[in-house]
Each structure stands twice: as C-alpha cells, then as structure tokens.
Amino acid sequence: MRVMIRVRVPVDPGNDAIRSGKMGKVVQRFMEECKPEAAYFFPDGGERASLFILDLRDASQIPEIAERLFLGINARIDMIPVMTIEDLQKGLSGIAGIVERYG
C-alpha cells in the first residue's frame, strides 16, 4: 500500500530539535530505515513540513512509521493512501459494474 505521509513540526519543538541536532538525526535515520520513494521538505502554514512517499507491505507498519516521527520530533502527521498512474488505470478498469449499479 503506497502512502503519502505529510509531516508538520510545530515551531517551538522544531526549534529545539534544530538547536540540539536532533532534527537532522531523526530525519536521516527515518530516511535510512524507511527508504521513502520520494521526500520533499518545505514550509507549510508557518511550520516545518515534509512529504514522504512510502510503499508499505502491510497496514501494521503504520504505528512504527508514525512513532518515529511522533517521538523523534513531536510531529503531526497525516497518512494518505495514494496511487501511481498504473494503479489508477487498474482500478478504473474494474468499475463498469459499479457505474451501472450506482452511476
């Protein structure tokens, strides 16, 4: 299951993590352990933010992914299921019956 993880770090805990060097260590460790397909970093609503794309083997990985960010940098996270174009095409190919029944 491919997920997009949106991470936001509140300003004060983020400042503390930057000053102590913890932010860089947590992000580096997260990248090494979770091996995201893509990672982007940016400001969002006045907070430090990032997006990671991960392909999870199983939904049971959600807590271990989330806790790295909760415990490591006091992050707020959203996990959103996402698809590649191939996933979308595969999904759309099977909806004819649904369109007939619900459309």
PDB file of N, CA and C in Angstrom:
ATOM      1  N   MET A   1       0.853  -1.166   0.000  1.00  0.00           N
ATOM      2  CA  MET A   1       0.000   0.000   0.000  1.00  0.00           C
ATOM      3  C   MET A   1       0.906   1.238   0.000  1.00  0.00           C
ATOM      4  N   ARG A   2       0.752   2.033  -1.022  1.00  0.00           N
ATOM      5  CA  ARG A   2       1.555   3.250  -1.124  1.00  0.00           C
ATOM      6  C   ARG A   2       0.845   4.366  -0.362  1.00  0.00           C
ATOM      7  N   VAL A   3       1.608   5.084   0.484  1.00  0.00           N
ATOM      8  CA  VAL A   3       1.038   6.181   1.262  1.00  0.00           C
ATOM      9  C   VAL A   3       1.902   7.428   1.123  1.00  0.00           C
ATOM     10  N   MET A   4       1.227   8.563   1.176  1.00  0.00           N
ATOM     11  CA  MET A   4       1.905   9.837   1.272  1.00  0.00           C
ATOM     12  C   MET A   4       1.797  10.259   2.735  1.00  0.00           C
ATOM     13  N   ILE A   5       2.920  10.538   3.334  1.00  0.00           N
ATOM     14  CA  ILE A   5       2.940  10.965   4.727  1.00  0.00           C
ATOM     15  C   ILE A   5       3.280  12.445   4.751  1.00  0.00           C
ATOM     16  N   ARG A   6       2.341  13.230   5.247  1.00  0.00           N
ATOM     17  CA  ARG A   6       2.554  14.666   5.407  1.00  0.00           C
ATOM     18  C   ARG A   6       2.940  14.893   6.862  1.00  0.00           C
ATOM     19  N   VAL A   7       4.082  15.507   7.061  1.00  0.00           N
ATOM     20  CA  VAL A   7       4.641  15.723   8.397  1.00  0.00           C
ATOM     21  C   VAL A   7       4.734  17.220   8.650  1.00  0.00           C
ATOM     22  N   ARG A   8       4.258  17.655   9.811  1.00  0.00           N
ATOM     23  CA  ARG A   8       4.426  19.046  10.224  1.00  0.00           C
ATOM     24  C   ARG A   8       4.991  19.058  11.631  1.00  0.00           C
ATOM     25  N   VAL A   9       5.971  19.929  11.830  1.00  0.00           N
ATOM     26  CA  VAL A   9       6.613  20.049  13.143  1.00  0.00           C
ATOM     27  C   VAL A   9       6.315  21.436  13.687  1.00  0.00           C
ATOM     28  N   PRO A  10       5.624  21.521  14.830  1.00  0.00           N
ATOM     29  CA  PRO A  10       5.346  22.823  15.431  1.00  0.00           C
ATOM     30  C   PRO A  10       6.645  23.613  15.649  1.00  0.00           C
ATOM     31  N   VAL A  11       6.545  24.925  15.604  1.00  0.00           N
ATOM     32  CA  VAL A  11       7.721  25.802  15.612  1.00  0.00           C
ATOM     33  C   VAL A  11       8.607  25.593  16.843  1.00  0.00           C
ATOM     34  N   ASP A  12       8.062  25.678  18.036  1.00  0.00           N
ATOM     35  CA  ASP A  12       8.916  25.605  19.229  1.00  0.00           C
ATOM     36  C   ASP A  12       9.615  24.254  19.368  1.00  0.00           C
ATOM     37  N   PRO A  13       8.887  23.115  19.271  1.00  0.00           N
ATOM     38  CA  PRO A  13       9.616  21.839  19.324  1.00  0.00           C
ATOM     39  C   PRO A  13      10.598  21.685  18.157  1.00  0.00           C
ATOM     40  N   GLY A  14      10.243  22.229  16.995  1.00  0.00           N
ATOM     41  CA  GLY A  14      11.149  22.182  15.852  1.00  0.00           C
ATOM     42  C   GLY A  14      12.414  22.978  16.096  1.00  0.00           C
ATOM     43  N   ASN A  15      12.264  24.163  16.691  1.00  0.00           N
ATOM     44  CA  ASN A  15      13.436  24.971  17.023  1.00  0.00           C
ATOM     45  C   ASN A  15      14.361  24.228  17.984  1.00  0.00           C
ATOM     46  N   ASP A  16      13.762  23.615  19.010  1.00  0.00           N
ATOM     47  CA  ASP A  16      14.565  22.854  19.973  1.00  0.00           C
ATOM     48  C   ASP A  16      15.292  21.699  19.286  1.00  0.00           C
ATOM     49  N   ALA A  17      14.584  21.001  18.382  1.00  0.00           N
ATOM     50  CA  ALA A  17      15.192  19.865  17.678  1.00  0.00           C
ATOM     51  C   ALA A  17      16.317  20.313  16.745  1.00  0.00           C
ATOM     52  N   ILE A  18      16.159  21.470  16.124  1.00  0.00           N
ATOM     53  CA  ILE A  18      17.209  22.016  15.260  1.00  0.00           C
ATOM     54  C   ILE A  18      18.427  22.379  16.107  1.00  0.00           C
ATOM     55  N   ARG A  19      18.196  23.111  17.199  1.00  0.00           N
ATOM     56  CA  ARG A  19      19.306  23.566  18.053  1.00  0.00           C
ATOM     57  C   ARG A  19      20.103  22.402  18.642  1.00  0.00           C
ATOM     58  N   SER A  20      19.406  21.352  19.018  1.00  0.00           N
ATOM     59  CA  SER A  20      20.076  20.208  19.657  1.00  0.00           C
ATOM     60  C   SER A  20      20.702  19.252  18.643  1.00  0.00           C
ATOM     61  N   GLY A  21      20.366  19.407  17.368  1.00  0.00           N
ATOM     62  CA  GLY A  21      20.862  18.490  16.343  1.00  0.00           C
ATOM     63  C   GLY A  21      19.983  17.275  16.150  1.00  0.00           C
ATOM     64  N   LYS A  22      18.926  17.187  16.937  1.00  0.00           N
ATOM     65  CA  LYS A  22      18.047  16.019  16.864  1.00  0.00           C
ATOM     66  C   LYS A  22      17.275  15.948  15.549  1.00  0.00           C
ATOM     67  N   MET A  23      16.869  17.095  15.003  1.00  0.00           N
ATOM     68  CA  MET A  23      16.081  17.099  13.767  1.00  0.00           C
ATOM     69  C   MET A  23      16.825  16.375  12.647  1.00  0.00           C
ATOM     70  N   GLY A  24      18.061  16.770  12.416  1.00  0.00           N
ATOM     71  CA  GLY A  24      18.845  16.144  11.352  1.00  0.00           C
ATOM     72  C   GLY A  24      19.034  14.654  11.573  1.00  0.00           C
ATOM     73  N   LYS A  25      19.280  14.270  12.812  1.00  0.00           N
ATOM     74  CA  LYS A  25      19.485  12.858  13.132  1.00  0.00           C
ATOM     75  C   LYS A  25      18.216  12.047  12.892  1.00  0.00           C
ATOM     76  N   VAL A  26      17.075  12.576  13.331  1.00  0.00           N
ATOM     77  CA  VAL A  26      15.812  11.851  13.163  1.00  0.00           C
ATOM     78  C   VAL A  26      15.457  11.721  11.682  1.00  0.00           C
ATOM     79  N   VAL A  27      15.605  12.815  10.940  1.00  0.00           N
ATOM     80  CA  VAL A  27      15.278  12.760   9.506  1.00  0.00           C
ATOM     81  C   VAL A  27      16.208  11.787   8.791  1.00  0.00           C
ATOM     82  N   GLN A  28      17.490  11.825   9.081  1.00  0.00           N
ATOM     83  CA  GLN A  28      18.448  10.918   8.448  1.00  0.00           C
ATOM     84  C   GLN A  28      18.125   9.464   8.769  1.00  0.00           C
ATOM     85  N   ARG A  29      17.842   9.191  10.030  1.00  0.00           N
ATOM     86  CA  ARG A  29      17.510   7.825  10.452  1.00  0.00           C
ATOM     87  C   ARG A  29      16.216   7.365   9.791  1.00  0.00           C
ATOM     88  N   PHE A  30      15.218   8.256   9.726  1.00  0.00           N
ATOM     89  CA  PHE A  30      13.947   7.922   9.072  1.00  0.00           C
ATOM     90  C   PHE A  30      14.196   7.558   7.606  1.00  0.00           C
ATOM     91  N   MET A  31      15.001   8.364   6.914  1.00  0.00           N
ATOM     92  CA  MET A  31      15.298   8.105   5.504  1.00  0.00           C
ATOM     93  C   MET A  31      16.006   6.757   5.327  1.00  0.00           C
ATOM     94  N   GLU A  32      16.967   6.456   6.194  1.00  0.00           N
ATOM     95  CA  GLU A  32      17.713   5.202   6.094  1.00  0.00           C
ATOM     96  C   GLU A  32      16.844   3.991   6.399  1.00  0.00           C
ATOM     97  N   GLU A  33      16.015   4.089   7.426  1.00  0.00           N
ATOM     98  CA  GLU A  33      15.212   2.939   7.850  1.00  0.00           C
ATOM     99  C   GLU A  33      13.966   2.732   7.000  1.00  0.00           C
ATOM    100  N   CYS A  34      13.310   3.808   6.595  1.00  0.00           N
ATOM    101  CA  CYS A  34      12.029   3.693   5.887  1.00  0.00           C
ATOM    102  C   CYS A  34      12.179   3.721   4.370  1.00  0.00           C
ATOM    103  N   LYS A  35      13.290   4.224   3.884  1.00  0.00           N
ATOM    104  CA  LYS A  35      13.596   4.268   2.457  1.00  0.00           C
ATOM    105  C   LYS A  35      12.430   4.781   1.603  1.00  0.00           C
ATOM    106  N   PRO A  36      12.021   6.027   1.818  1.00  0.00           N
ATOM    107  CA  PRO A  36      10.910   6.564   1.021  1.00  0.00           C
ATOM    108  C   PRO A  36      11.266   6.623  -0.458  1.00  0.00           C
ATOM    109  N   GLU A  37      10.236   6.452  -1.295  1.00  0.00           N
ATOM    110  CA  GLU A  37      10.404   6.584  -2.745  1.00  0.00           C
ATOM    111  C   GLU A  37      10.715   8.028  -3.115  1.00  0.00           C
ATOM    112  N   ALA A  38      10.168   8.953  -2.345  1.00  0.00           N
ATOM    113  CA  ALA A  38      10.393  10.382  -2.573  1.00  0.00           C
ATOM    114  C   ALA A  38      10.287  11.097  -1.233  1.00  0.00           C
ATOM    115  N   ALA A  39      10.999  12.223  -1.124  1.00  0.00           N
ATOM    116  CA  ALA A  39      10.960  13.037   0.089  1.00  0.00           C
ATOM    117  C   ALA A  39      11.102  14.500  -0.313  1.00  0.00           C
ATOM    118  N   TYR A  40      10.233  15.332   0.253  1.00  0.00           N
ATOM    119  CA  TYR A  40      10.239  16.763  -0.034  1.00  0.00           C
ATOM    120  C   TYR A  40      10.127  17.516   1.281  1.00  0.00           C
ATOM    121  N   PHE A  41      10.793  18.657   1.373  1.00  0.00           N
ATOM    122  CA  PHE A  41      10.832  19.453   2.597  1.00  0.00           C
ATOM    123  C   PHE A  41      10.481  20.890   2.255  1.00  0.00           C
ATOM    124  N   PHE A  42       9.617  21.526   3.082  1.00  0.00           N
ATOM    125  CA  PHE A  42       9.096  22.852   2.748  1.00  0.00           C
ATOM    126  C   PHE A  42       8.420  23.470   3.960  1.00  0.00           C
ATOM    127  N   PRO A  43       8.206  24.788   3.949  1.00  0.00           N
ATOM    128  CA  PRO A  43       7.397  25.409   4.997  1.00  0.00           C
ATOM    129  C   PRO A  43       5.916  25.238   4.666  1.00  0.00           C
ATOM    130  N   ASP A  44       5.090  25.053   5.685  1.00  0.00           N
ATOM    131  CA  ASP A  44       3.650  24.877   5.483  1.00  0.00           C
ATOM    132  C   ASP A  44       2.912  25.492   6.664  1.00  0.00           C
ATOM    133  N   GLY A  45       2.153  26.538   6.409  1.00  0.00           N
ATOM    134  CA  GLY A  45       1.385  27.168   7.464  1.00  0.00           C
ATOM    135  C   GLY A  45       2.237  27.661   8.616  1.00  0.00           C
ATOM    136  N   GLY A  46       3.446  28.102   8.317  1.00  0.00           N
ATOM    137  CA  GLY A  46       4.327  28.617   9.355  1.00  0.00           C
ATOM    138  C   GLY A  46       5.073  27.551  10.130  1.00  0.00           C
ATOM    139  N   GLU A  47       5.000  26.305   9.691  1.00  0.00           N
ATOM    140  CA  GLU A  47       5.702  25.213  10.362  1.00  0.00           C
ATOM    141  C   GLU A  47       6.644  24.518   9.381  1.00  0.00           C
ATOM    142  N   ARG A  48       7.605  23.795   9.911  1.00  0.00           N
ATOM    143  CA  ARG A  48       8.452  22.945   9.076  1.00  0.00           C
ATOM    144  C   ARG A  48       7.605  21.756   8.632  1.00  0.00           C
ATOM    145  N   ALA A  49       7.746  21.388   7.367  1.00  0.00           N
ATOM    146  CA  ALA A  49       6.915  20.306   6.854  1.00  0.00           C
ATOM    147  C   ALA A  49       7.700  19.452   5.867  1.00  0.00           C
ATOM    148  N   SER A  50       7.183  18.260   5.659  1.00  0.00           N
ATOM    149  CA  SER A  50       7.764  17.369   4.662  1.00  0.00           C
ATOM    150  C   SER A  50       6.689  16.416   4.160  1.00  0.00           C
ATOM    151  N   LEU A  51       6.945  15.878   2.986  1.00  0.00           N
ATOM    152  CA  LEU A  51       6.117  14.823   2.391  1.00  0.00           C
ATOM    153  C   LEU A  51       7.020  13.651   2.075  1.00  0.00           C
ATOM    154  N   PHE A  52       6.576  12.476   2.442  1.00  0.00           N
ATOM    155  CA  PHE A  52       7.302  11.252   2.120  1.00  0.00           C
ATOM    156  C   PHE A  52       6.339  10.316   1.410  1.00  0.00           C
ATOM    157  N   ILE A  53       6.830   9.618   0.398  1.00  0.00           N
ATOM    158  CA  ILE A  53       6.050   8.576  -0.259  1.00  0.00           C
ATOM    159  C   ILE A  53       6.701   7.253   0.118  1.00  0.00           C
ATOM    160  N   LEU A  54       5.901   6.376   0.740  1.00  0.00           N
ATOM    161  CA  LEU A  54       6.389   5.057   1.144  1.00  0.00           C
ATOM    162  C   LEU A  54       5.463   3.984   0.600  1.00  0.00           C
ATOM    163  N   ASP A  55       6.031   2.853   0.286  1.00  0.00           N
ATOM    164  CA  ASP A  55       5.241   1.700  -0.140  1.00  0.00           C
ATOM    165  C   ASP A  55       5.269   0.700   1.010  1.00  0.00           C
ATOM    166  N   LEU A  56       4.182   0.638   1.775  1.00  0.00           N
ATOM    167  CA  LEU A  56       4.107  -0.231   2.943  1.00  0.00           C
ATOM    168  C   LEU A  56       3.697  -1.642   2.528  1.00  0.00           C
ATOM    169  N   ARG A  57       4.342  -2.624   3.125  1.00  0.00           N
ATOM    170  CA  ARG A  57       3.976  -4.023   2.871  1.00  0.00           C
ATOM    171  C   ARG A  57       2.638  -4.362   3.508  1.00  0.00           C
ATOM    172  N   ASP A  58       2.380  -3.714   4.655  1.00  0.00           N
ATOM    173  CA  ASP A  58       1.225  -4.086   5.460  1.00  0.00           C
ATOM    174  C   ASP A  58       0.796  -2.890   6.307  1.00  0.00           C
ATOM    175  N   ALA A  59      -0.486  -2.785   6.577  1.00  0.00           N
ATOM    176  CA  ALA A  59      -1.001  -1.687   7.392  1.00  0.00           C
ATOM    177  C   ALA A  59      -0.428  -1.710   8.810  1.00  0.00           C
ATOM    178  N   SER A  60       0.044  -2.859   9.254  1.00  0.00           N
ATOM    179  CA  SER A  60       0.615  -2.936  10.605  1.00  0.00           C
ATOM    180  C   SER A  60       1.895  -2.120  10.735  1.00  0.00           C
ATOM    181  N   GLN A  61       2.468  -1.657   9.628  1.00  0.00           N
ATOM    182  CA  GLN A  61       3.662  -0.803   9.684  1.00  0.00           C
ATOM    183  C   GLN A  61       3.327   0.636  10.075  1.00  0.00           C
ATOM    184  N   ILE A  62       2.069   1.011  10.011  1.00  0.00           N
ATOM    185  CA  ILE A  62       1.682   2.397  10.289  1.00  0.00           C
ATOM    186  C   ILE A  62       2.157   2.870  11.658  1.00  0.00           C
ATOM    187  N   PRO A  63       1.918   2.114  12.746  1.00  0.00           N
ATOM    188  CA  PRO A  63       2.383   2.606  14.051  1.00  0.00           C
ATOM    189  C   PRO A  63       3.893   2.803  14.118  1.00  0.00           C
ATOM    190  N   GLU A  64       4.661   1.881  13.566  1.00  0.00           N
ATOM    191  CA  GLU A  64       6.116   2.028  13.677  1.00  0.00           C
ATOM    192  C   GLU A  64       6.633   3.198  12.849  1.00  0.00           C
ATOM    193  N   ILE A  65       5.983   3.484  11.739  1.00  0.00           N
ATOM    194  CA  ILE A  65       6.362   4.654  10.943  1.00  0.00           C
ATOM    195  C   ILE A  65       5.986   5.930  11.707  1.00  0.00           C
ATOM    196  N   ALA A  66       4.752   5.979  12.177  1.00  0.00           N
ATOM    197  CA  ALA A  66       4.256   7.174  12.858  1.00  0.00           C
ATOM    198  C   ALA A  66       5.033   7.476  14.133  1.00  0.00           C
ATOM    199  N   GLU A  67       5.332   6.471  14.925  1.00  0.00           N
ATOM    200  CA  GLU A  67       6.001   6.702  16.211  1.00  0.00           C
ATOM    201  C   GLU A  67       7.403   7.266  16.039  1.00  0.00           C
ATOM    202  N   ARG A  68       8.078   6.908  14.949  1.00  0.00           N
ATOM    203  CA  ARG A  68       9.398   7.501  14.687  1.00  0.00           C
ATOM    204  C   ARG A  68       9.289   9.031  14.652  1.00  0.00           C
ATOM    205  N   LEU A  69       8.219   9.517  14.043  1.00  0.00           N
ATOM    206  CA  LEU A  69       8.039  10.957  13.867  1.00  0.00           C
ATOM    207  C   LEU A  69       7.405  11.608  15.091  1.00  0.00           C
ATOM    208  N   PHE A  70       6.462  10.922  15.727  1.00  0.00           N
ATOM    209  CA  PHE A  70       5.863  11.461  16.956  1.00  0.00           C
ATOM    210  C   PHE A  70       6.925  11.601  18.049  1.00  0.00           C
ATOM    211  N   LEU A  71       7.619  10.519  18.329  1.00  0.00           N
ATOM    212  CA  LEU A  71       8.604  10.511  19.405  1.00  0.00           C
ATOM    213  C   LEU A  71       9.860  11.298  19.049  1.00  0.00           C
ATOM    214  N   GLY A  72      10.289  11.180  17.806  1.00  0.00           N
ATOM    215  CA  GLY A  72      11.558  11.780  17.405  1.00  0.00           C
ATOM    216  C   GLY A  72      11.531  13.291  17.323  1.00  0.00           C
ATOM    217  N   ILE A  73      10.452  13.862  16.733  1.00  0.00           N
ATOM    218  CA  ILE A  73      10.435  15.315  16.510  1.00  0.00           C
ATOM    219  C   ILE A  73       9.087  15.957  16.835  1.00  0.00           C
ATOM    220  N   ASN A  74       8.268  15.273  17.625  1.00  0.00           N
ATOM    221  CA  ASN A  74       6.984  15.837  18.057  1.00  0.00           C
ATOM    222  C   ASN A  74       6.125  16.269  16.858  1.00  0.00           C
ATOM    223  N   ALA A  75       6.155  15.458  15.803  1.00  0.00           N
ATOM    224  CA  ALA A  75       5.482  15.811  14.553  1.00  0.00           C
ATOM    225  C   ALA A  75       3.989  15.527  14.600  1.00  0.00           C
ATOM    226  N   ARG A  76       3.288  16.263  13.759  1.00  0.00           N
ATOM    227  CA  ARG A  76       1.884  15.969  13.445  1.00  0.00           C
ATOM    228  C   ARG A  76       1.914  15.329  12.066  1.00  0.00           C
ATOM    229  N   ILE A  77       1.220  14.220  11.898  1.00  0.00           N
ATOM    230  CA  ILE A  77       1.291  13.539  10.608  1.00  0.00           C
ATOM    231  C   ILE A  77      -0.088  13.179  10.076  1.00  0.00           C
ATOM    232  N   ASP A  78      -0.153  13.108   8.763  1.00  0.00           N
ATOM    233  CA  ASP A  78      -1.305  12.563   8.049  1.00  0.00           C
ATOM    234  C   ASP A  78      -0.766  11.483   7.135  1.00  0.00           C
ATOM    235  N   MET A  79      -1.458  10.364   7.055  1.00  0.00           N
ATOM    236  CA  MET A  79      -1.099   9.303   6.106  1.00  0.00           C
ATOM    237  C   MET A  79      -2.256   9.149   5.135  1.00  0.00           C
ATOM    238  N   ILE A  80      -1.944   9.320   3.855  1.00  0.00           N
ATOM    239  CA  ILE A  80      -2.970   9.333   2.825  1.00  0.00           C
ATOM    240  C   ILE A  80      -2.637   8.257   1.799  1.00  0.00           C
ATOM    241  N   PRO A  81      -3.557   7.307   1.562  1.00  0.00           N
ATOM    242  CA  PRO A  81      -3.297   6.319   0.506  1.00  0.00           C
ATOM    243  C   PRO A  81      -3.214   7.023  -0.844  1.00  0.00           C
ATOM    244  N   VAL A  82      -2.222   6.657  -1.650  1.00  0.00           N
ATOM    245  CA  VAL A  82      -2.043   7.252  -2.972  1.00  0.00           C
ATOM    246  C   VAL A  82      -1.787   6.149  -3.995  1.00  0.00           C
ATOM    247  N   MET A  83      -1.950   6.520  -5.282  1.00  0.00           N
ATOM    248  CA  MET A  83      -1.775   5.562  -6.371  1.00  0.00           C
ATOM    249  C   MET A  83      -0.837   6.126  -7.425  1.00  0.00           C
ATOM    250  N   THR A  84      -0.188   5.230  -8.120  1.00  0.00           N
ATOM    251  CA  THR A  84       0.530   5.600  -9.332  1.00  0.00           C
ATOM    252  C   THR A  84      -0.487   5.602 -10.476  1.00  0.00           C
ATOM    253  N   ILE A  85      -0.088   6.068 -11.644  1.00  0.00           N
ATOM    254  CA  ILE A  85      -0.990   6.044 -12.794  1.00  0.00           C
ATOM    255  C   ILE A  85      -1.374   4.609 -13.140  1.00  0.00           C
ATOM    256  N   GLU A  86      -0.450   3.683 -12.977  1.00  0.00           N
ATOM    257  CA  GLU A  86      -0.759   2.273 -13.246  1.00  0.00           C
ATOM    258  C   GLU A  86      -1.823   1.751 -12.279  1.00  0.00           C
ATOM    259  N   ASP A  87      -1.719   2.122 -11.002  1.00  0.00           N
ATOM    260  CA  ASP A  87      -2.725   1.725 -10.015  1.00  0.00           C
ATOM    261  C   ASP A  87      -4.089   2.294 -10.387  1.00  0.00           C
ATOM    262  N   LEU A  88      -4.111   3.558 -10.787  1.00  0.00           N
ATOM    263  CA  LEU A  88      -5.362   4.206 -11.163  1.00  0.00           C
ATOM    264  C   LEU A  88      -5.992   3.523 -12.371  1.00  0.00           C
ATOM    265  N   GLN A  89      -5.190   3.240 -13.380  1.00  0.00           N
ATOM    266  CA  GLN A  89      -5.714   2.575 -14.576  1.00  0.00           C
ATOM    267  C   GLN A  89      -6.278   1.208 -14.238  1.00  0.00           C
ATOM    268  N   LYS A  90      -5.583   0.463 -13.406  1.00  0.00           N
ATOM    269  CA  LYS A  90      -6.065  -0.855 -12.977  1.00  0.00           C
ATOM    270  C   LYS A  90      -7.394  -0.719 -12.231  1.00  0.00           C
ATOM    271  N   GLY A  91      -7.468   0.258 -11.327  1.00  0.00           N
ATOM    272  CA  GLY A  91      -8.700   0.473 -10.565  1.00  0.00           C
ATOM    273  C   GLY A  91      -9.866   0.886 -11.440  1.00  0.00           C
ATOM    274  N   LEU A  92      -9.619   1.778 -12.384  1.00  0.00           N
ATOM    275  CA  LEU A  92     -10.693   2.243 -13.267  1.00  0.00           C
ATOM    276  C   LEU A  92     -11.195   1.150 -14.191  1.00  0.00           C
ATOM    277  N   SER A  93     -10.335   0.194 -14.526  1.00  0.00           N
ATOM    278  CA  SER A  93     -10.745  -0.876 -15.435  1.00  0.00           C
ATOM    279  C   SER A  93     -11.795  -1.796 -14.814  1.00  0.00           C
ATOM    280  N   GLY A  94     -11.923  -1.778 -13.515  1.00  0.00           N
ATOM    281  CA  GLY A  94     -12.861  -2.677 -12.846  1.00  0.00           C
ATOM    282  C   GLY A  94     -14.121  -2.032 -12.324  1.00  0.00           C
ATOM    283  N   ILE A  95     -14.452  -0.806 -12.758  1.00  0.00           N
ATOM    284  CA  ILE A  95     -15.606  -0.135 -12.149  1.00  0.00           C
ATOM    285  C   ILE A  95     -16.850  -0.092 -13.026  1.00  0.00           C
ATOM    286  N   ALA A  96     -16.862  -0.744 -14.187  1.00  0.00           N
ATOM    287  CA  ALA A  96     -18.026  -0.696 -15.074  1.00  0.00           C
ATOM    288  C   ALA A  96     -19.306  -1.128 -14.359  1.00  0.00           C
ATOM    289  N   GLY A  97     -19.228  -2.214 -13.600  1.00  0.00           N
ATOM    290  CA  GLY A  97     -20.404  -2.704 -12.873  1.00  0.00           C
ATOM    291  C   GLY A  97     -20.868  -1.731 -11.802  1.00  0.00           C
ATOM    292  N   ILE A  98     -19.940  -1.070 -11.164  1.00  0.00           N
ATOM    293  CA  ILE A  98     -20.287  -0.102 -10.132  1.00  0.00           C
ATOM    294  C   ILE A  98     -20.994   1.087 -10.770  1.00  0.00           C
ATOM    295  N   VAL A  99     -20.510   1.532 -11.931  1.00  0.00           N
ATOM    296  CA  VAL A  99     -21.139   2.642 -12.633  1.00  0.00           C
ATOM    297  C   VAL A  99     -22.573   2.267 -12.995  1.00  0.00           C
ATOM    298  N   GLU A 100     -22.779   1.043 -13.461  1.00  0.00           N
ATOM    299  CA  GLU A 100     -24.144   0.600 -13.821  1.00  0.00           C
ATOM    300  C   GLU A 100     -25.054   0.584 -12.602  1.00  0.00           C
ATOM    301  N   ARG A 101     -24.553   0.108 -11.469  1.00  0.00           N
ATOM    302  CA  ARG A 101     -25.403  -0.014 -10.274  1.00  0.00           C
ATOM    303  C   ARG A 101     -25.599   1.300  -9.533  1.00  0.00           C
ATOM    304  N   TYR A 102     -24.601   2.165  -9.533  1.00  0.00           N
ATOM    305  CA  TYR A 102     -24.660   3.370  -8.716  1.00  0.00           C
ATOM    306  C   TYR A 102     -24.650   4.670  -9.500  1.00  0.00           C
ATOM    307  N   GLY A 103     -24.315   4.581 -10.797  1.00  0.00           N
ATOM    308  CA  GLY A 103     -23.997   5.743 -11.565  1.00  0.00           C
ATOM    309  C   GLY A 103     -25.009   6.647 -12.055  1.00  0.00           C
TER     310      GLY A 103
END
